[in-house]
Amino acid sequence: MNRRICFAVLLVILVAGLAGGAKVDGIQLHSSSHGTGPETVILVHGWTCDESTWDAQVPVLSKHYRVITLDLPGHGRSGAPKDGKFSMDLFARAVEAVRAEAGTDKIVLVGHSMGAPVIRQYARLYPKHVVALVAVDGPLDLRGFGEAFKPPSVSGPDGLKAREGMIRGMFTPQTPPALQQKILDMMLKAPEATAVGAMSAMFDPALRKTDVTPMPALTIWAGTNPQLPNAEELKKVLPHYSQTQVAGTGHFVMMEKPDEFNQLVESFVDGLK
């Protein structure tokens, strides 16, 4: 009887979620694992966000897949680099540390906003582990950001105000006020060092490469995009690329229309079999 109880408790823990303890460059990483499906999906949040952006995905996707979320270095409950240096390589290696700790070999990566260049950088560094990429209103291809592009300033006396203005610009009139406040609270909680360092890392000119990423890739765009990127141009670097759009959503597609978003992800992942 006791053995049955122990087994039942273990099963509940596995399904409900386990907290991880991976590290990268000595930085303690926070991560969570849910579900026990044959496929593993790792969800990567965006700039100054944390794993809670996926709260509407985890309970649904974990019914079919193993779902892992994490806080990138400097974000949420993860530690920050002592030297203050952020990069897409650091973020990608953080994802790899979490994958390795989870003991899963092949993964589907889903990245929101800044998470999109993070997952493409991961695919560059660790291609043998990547089954496919899903970007959520974020760029997998940074070639369009020319030398003249300068990321917005988010530091100094007006830094917090500038960040708030940027975040409010991510919403639509249909974004529920409670959801707007939740996102504002989450993103403005991030330290200025994270906001500045991650912004700089995201638009590092070294990422504007023409190398080919051969895995299947899907972008789920927000409804606020008036015109989607030229898919044929993206196929020069992502030959198995497709894209779709969720009408009536702002930047946080997965939080604003979670049912539609979850169905798109499930359909894509199941189509990979």
Protein backbone atom coordinates (compact mmCIF):
# COMPACT_ATOMS: atom_id res chain seq x y z
CA MET A 1 0.00 0.00 0.00
CA ASN A 2 2.81 2.40 0.93
CA ARG A 3 4.56 1.66 -2.36
CA ARG A 4 1.38 2.48 -4.25
CA ILE A 5 1.09 5.78 -2.40
CA CYS A 6 4.71 6.65 -3.16
CA PHE A 7 4.19 5.84 -6.83
CA ALA A 8 1.05 7.95 -6.97
CA VAL A 9 2.84 10.91 -5.36
CA LEU A 10 5.72 10.57 -7.81
CA LEU A 11 3.30 10.49 -10.75
CA VAL A 12 1.54 13.62 -9.52
CA ILE A 13 4.86 15.44 -9.20
CA LEU A 14 5.91 14.44 -12.71
CA VAL A 15 2.65 15.60 -14.23
CA ALA A 16 2.25 18.75 -12.12
CA GLY A 17 5.76 19.99 -12.72
CA LEU A 18 9.31 19.70 -11.43
CA ALA A 19 11.57 22.65 -10.72
CA GLY A 20 14.99 22.42 -12.32
CA GLY A 21 18.42 23.32 -10.98
CA ALA A 22 20.55 23.73 -14.09
CA LYS A 23 23.36 26.29 -14.31
CA VAL A 24 25.12 28.14 -17.10
CA ASP A 25 28.42 29.96 -16.45
CA GLY A 26 27.72 29.53 -12.75
CA ILE A 27 24.32 31.23 -13.08
CA GLN A 28 21.51 29.38 -11.34
CA LEU A 29 18.61 28.84 -13.73
CA HIS A 30 14.98 28.45 -12.83
CA SER A 31 13.01 26.00 -14.97
CA SER A 32 9.93 23.79 -14.70
CA SER A 33 8.97 20.52 -16.38
CA HIS A 34 5.40 19.35 -16.91
CA GLY A 35 3.89 16.27 -18.53
CA THR A 36 5.41 13.04 -19.78
CA GLY A 37 4.61 12.95 -23.51
CA PRO A 38 6.96 11.44 -26.12
CA GLU A 39 7.78 14.86 -27.62
CA THR A 40 9.46 17.62 -25.63
CA VAL A 41 8.55 21.26 -26.17
CA ILE A 42 10.67 24.00 -24.58
CA LEU A 43 8.97 27.39 -24.25
CA VAL A 44 11.29 30.43 -24.26
CA HIS A 45 9.97 33.81 -23.12
CA GLY A 46 10.80 37.24 -24.50
CA TRP A 47 12.57 40.42 -23.43
CA THR A 48 12.17 41.24 -19.70
CA CYS A 49 9.52 38.52 -19.36
CA ASP A 50 9.58 35.20 -17.52
CA GLU A 51 8.13 31.70 -17.71
CA SER A 52 4.70 32.90 -16.54
CA THR A 53 4.00 34.12 -20.08
CA TRP A 54 3.25 30.48 -20.87
CA ASP A 55 0.75 29.87 -18.05
CA ALA A 56 -2.07 29.30 -20.55
CA GLN A 57 0.01 26.84 -22.59
CA VAL A 58 1.52 24.53 -19.99
CA PRO A 59 -1.70 22.85 -18.74
CA VAL A 60 -2.92 22.20 -22.29
CA LEU A 61 0.29 21.23 -24.09
CA SER A 62 1.49 19.05 -21.22
CA LYS A 63 -1.46 16.72 -21.83
CA HIS A 64 0.29 15.64 -25.04
CA TYR A 65 3.97 16.56 -24.66
CA ARG A 66 6.63 17.06 -22.07
CA VAL A 67 6.69 20.84 -21.65
CA ILE A 68 9.65 22.71 -20.19
CA THR A 69 9.68 26.40 -19.33
CA LEU A 70 12.58 28.47 -18.01
CA ASP A 71 13.60 31.94 -16.95
CA LEU A 72 16.52 33.14 -19.08
CA PRO A 73 19.55 34.59 -17.27
CA GLY A 74 18.70 37.91 -15.64
CA HIS A 75 14.98 37.23 -15.92
CA GLY A 76 12.39 35.97 -13.45
CA ARG A 77 13.85 33.68 -10.81
CA SER A 78 17.10 32.92 -12.64
CA GLY A 79 20.37 34.53 -11.65
CA ALA A 80 22.13 37.19 -13.70
CA PRO A 81 25.65 37.17 -15.19
CA LYS A 82 28.11 38.63 -12.69
CA ASP A 83 29.92 40.53 -15.43
CA GLY A 84 26.62 42.03 -16.64
CA LYS A 85 27.16 40.71 -20.16
CA PHE A 86 24.15 39.31 -22.00
CA SER A 87 24.18 37.60 -25.40
CA MET A 88 22.12 35.29 -27.54
CA ASP A 89 24.85 32.70 -27.01
CA LEU A 90 24.37 32.94 -23.24
CA PHE A 91 20.61 32.56 -23.59
CA ALA A 92 20.98 29.64 -26.01
CA ARG A 93 23.43 27.91 -23.67
CA ALA A 94 20.97 28.42 -20.82
CA VAL A 95 18.35 26.57 -22.85
CA GLU A 96 20.89 23.83 -23.53
CA ALA A 97 21.70 23.51 -19.82
CA VAL A 98 18.00 23.04 -19.07
CA ARG A 99 17.60 20.51 -21.91
CA ALA A 100 20.62 18.52 -20.75
CA GLU A 101 19.41 18.49 -17.16
CA ALA A 102 16.01 17.25 -18.34
CA GLY A 103 17.71 14.36 -20.12
CA THR A 104 15.73 14.82 -23.32
CA ASP A 105 17.49 14.54 -26.68
CA LYS A 106 15.17 16.00 -29.32
CA ILE A 107 13.19 19.16 -28.71
CA VAL A 108 10.74 21.53 -30.36
CA LEU A 109 11.59 25.10 -29.41
CA VAL A 110 8.94 27.82 -29.09
CA GLY A 111 10.21 31.37 -28.64
CA HIS A 112 8.18 34.53 -28.07
CA SER A 113 9.51 37.93 -29.18
CA MET A 114 13.21 37.98 -28.19
CA GLY A 115 12.81 34.24 -27.67
CA ALA A 116 12.72 33.86 -31.47
CA PRO A 117 16.37 34.87 -32.05
CA VAL A 118 17.24 32.86 -28.92
CA ILE A 119 15.85 29.64 -30.39
CA ARG A 120 17.47 30.24 -33.77
CA GLN A 121 20.81 30.78 -32.07
CA TYR A 122 20.22 27.54 -30.18
CA ALA A 123 19.59 25.78 -33.50
CA ARG A 124 22.93 27.12 -34.76
CA LEU A 125 24.84 25.91 -31.72
CA TYR A 126 23.02 22.63 -31.06
CA PRO A 127 21.37 21.53 -34.33
CA LYS A 128 21.39 17.82 -33.45
CA HIS A 129 18.86 18.41 -30.69
CA VAL A 130 16.37 20.53 -32.64
CA VAL A 131 13.32 19.01 -34.31
CA ALA A 132 11.64 22.30 -35.20
CA LEU A 133 11.29 25.99 -34.32
CA VAL A 134 8.16 28.01 -33.55
CA ALA A 135 8.53 31.79 -33.30
CA VAL A 136 5.76 33.87 -31.73
CA ASP A 137 5.62 37.43 -33.08
CA GLY A 138 9.40 37.57 -33.16
CA PRO A 139 12.16 37.44 -35.80
CA LEU A 140 13.92 34.21 -36.66
CA ASP A 141 15.75 36.16 -39.38
CA LEU A 142 17.56 39.35 -38.39
CA ARG A 143 19.03 40.20 -41.78
CA GLY A 144 16.52 43.03 -42.19
CA PHE A 145 18.03 45.03 -39.33
CA GLY A 146 20.69 47.02 -41.17
CA GLU A 147 23.78 48.74 -39.82
CA ALA A 148 21.83 51.98 -39.33
CA PHE A 149 19.36 50.33 -36.94
CA LYS A 150 19.70 51.42 -33.32
CA PRO A 151 17.75 49.67 -30.56
CA PRO A 152 15.64 51.98 -28.41
CA SER A 153 17.16 53.38 -25.23
CA VAL A 154 15.78 51.80 -22.06
CA SER A 155 18.19 53.20 -19.47
CA GLY A 156 18.75 56.35 -17.51
CA PRO A 157 16.28 58.64 -15.71
CA ASP A 158 13.60 58.07 -18.33
CA GLY A 159 14.41 54.40 -18.92
CA LEU A 160 11.51 52.94 -16.97
CA LYS A 161 9.07 55.35 -18.60
CA ALA A 162 10.43 54.40 -22.03
CA ARG A 163 10.02 50.72 -21.22
CA GLU A 164 6.44 51.26 -20.10
CA GLY A 165 5.67 53.11 -23.33
CA MET A 166 7.14 50.28 -25.39
CA ILE A 167 5.13 47.68 -23.51
CA ARG A 168 1.86 49.59 -23.81
CA GLY A 169 2.49 49.75 -27.55
CA MET A 170 2.38 45.94 -27.63
CA PHE A 171 -1.32 45.90 -26.70
CA THR A 172 -4.46 46.47 -28.74
CA PRO A 173 -7.71 48.09 -27.56
CA GLN A 174 -9.03 44.53 -27.21
CA THR A 175 -6.26 43.41 -24.83
CA PRO A 176 -8.04 42.98 -21.47
CA PRO A 177 -6.96 45.58 -18.88
CA ALA A 178 -6.15 42.87 -16.32
CA LEU A 179 -3.86 41.15 -18.83
CA GLN A 180 -2.20 44.46 -19.71
CA GLN A 181 -1.46 45.08 -16.04
CA LYS A 182 -0.11 41.54 -15.55
CA ILE A 183 2.30 42.00 -18.45
CA LEU A 184 3.35 45.48 -17.31
CA ASP A 185 4.05 44.23 -13.79
CA MET A 186 6.09 41.31 -15.11
CA MET A 187 8.18 43.26 -17.60
CA LEU A 188 8.82 46.38 -15.51
CA LYS A 189 10.00 44.19 -12.62
CA ALA A 190 13.08 43.17 -14.60
CA PRO A 191 16.25 45.08 -13.57
CA GLU A 192 17.50 47.86 -15.83
CA ALA A 193 20.70 45.87 -16.42
CA THR A 194 18.62 43.04 -17.87
CA ALA A 195 16.52 45.39 -20.01
CA VAL A 196 19.60 47.08 -21.46
CA GLY A 197 21.76 43.98 -21.83
CA ALA A 198 19.08 41.78 -23.36
CA MET A 199 18.00 44.53 -25.77
CA SER A 200 21.57 44.96 -26.95
CA ALA A 201 22.03 41.19 -27.28
CA MET A 202 18.87 40.85 -29.35
CA PHE A 203 20.10 43.27 -31.99
CA ASP A 204 23.75 42.24 -32.07
CA PRO A 205 24.92 42.75 -35.68
CA ALA A 206 26.71 39.39 -35.49
CA LEU A 207 23.29 37.71 -35.61
CA ARG A 208 22.47 39.07 -39.06
CA LYS A 209 23.79 35.97 -40.75
CA THR A 210 22.89 34.29 -44.03
CA ASP A 211 23.49 30.75 -42.75
CA VAL A 212 20.77 28.20 -43.43
CA THR A 213 18.76 26.65 -40.59
CA PRO A 214 17.29 23.46 -42.10
CA MET A 215 14.70 22.49 -39.47
CA PRO A 216 10.97 23.10 -40.02
CA ALA A 217 10.10 26.57 -38.75
CA LEU A 218 6.79 28.31 -38.14
CA THR A 219 6.10 31.90 -37.13
CA ILE A 220 2.80 32.77 -35.45
CA TRP A 221 2.38 36.50 -35.98
CA ALA A 222 0.19 38.88 -33.98
CA GLY A 223 -2.86 40.39 -35.64
CA THR A 224 -1.34 43.86 -35.39
CA ASN A 225 1.15 43.18 -38.18
CA PRO A 226 -0.28 44.96 -41.24
CA GLN A 227 1.79 42.85 -43.64
CA LEU A 228 3.62 39.60 -43.03
CA PRO A 229 7.26 39.23 -44.08
CA ASN A 230 8.04 37.82 -47.50
CA ALA A 231 8.05 34.07 -46.85
CA GLU A 232 10.10 33.34 -49.96
CA GLU A 233 12.83 35.68 -48.71
CA LEU A 234 12.86 33.95 -45.34
CA LYS A 235 13.14 30.58 -47.06
CA LYS A 236 16.62 31.59 -48.20
CA VAL A 237 17.79 30.98 -44.64
CA LEU A 238 14.86 28.88 -43.35
CA PRO A 239 14.01 26.59 -46.29
CA HIS A 240 11.18 24.82 -44.45
CA TYR A 241 9.49 28.00 -43.24
CA SER A 242 5.79 28.76 -42.90
CA GLN A 243 3.83 31.49 -41.16
CA THR A 244 0.37 32.32 -39.96
CA GLN A 245 -1.39 35.16 -38.18
CA VAL A 246 -3.85 35.27 -35.28
CA ALA A 247 -6.35 38.06 -35.90
CA GLY A 248 -7.32 40.38 -33.09
CA THR A 249 -4.16 39.93 -31.03
CA GLY A 250 -1.35 42.15 -29.87
CA HIS A 251 2.22 41.10 -29.25
CA PHE A 252 1.31 38.52 -26.57
CA VAL A 253 -0.58 36.21 -28.91
CA MET A 254 -0.41 33.18 -26.62
CA MET A 255 -1.87 35.12 -23.69
CA GLU A 256 -4.57 36.93 -25.64
CA LYS A 257 -5.98 34.02 -27.63
CA PRO A 258 -4.56 30.93 -25.90
CA ASP A 259 -7.02 28.40 -27.33
CA GLU A 260 -6.27 29.34 -30.94
CA PHE A 261 -2.56 29.57 -30.23
CA ASN A 262 -2.41 26.18 -28.52
CA GLN A 263 -4.23 24.55 -31.42
CA LEU A 264 -1.72 26.01 -33.87
CA VAL A 265 1.22 24.68 -31.86
CA GLU A 266 -0.34 21.24 -31.43
CA SER A 267 -1.14 20.99 -35.14
CA PHE A 268 2.41 21.96 -36.08
CA VAL A 269 4.09 19.59 -33.61
CA ASP A 270 1.82 16.70 -34.49
CA GLY A 271 2.51 17.32 -38.18
CA LEU A 272 6.21 16.73 -37.60
CA LYS A 273 5.68 13.02 -36.89
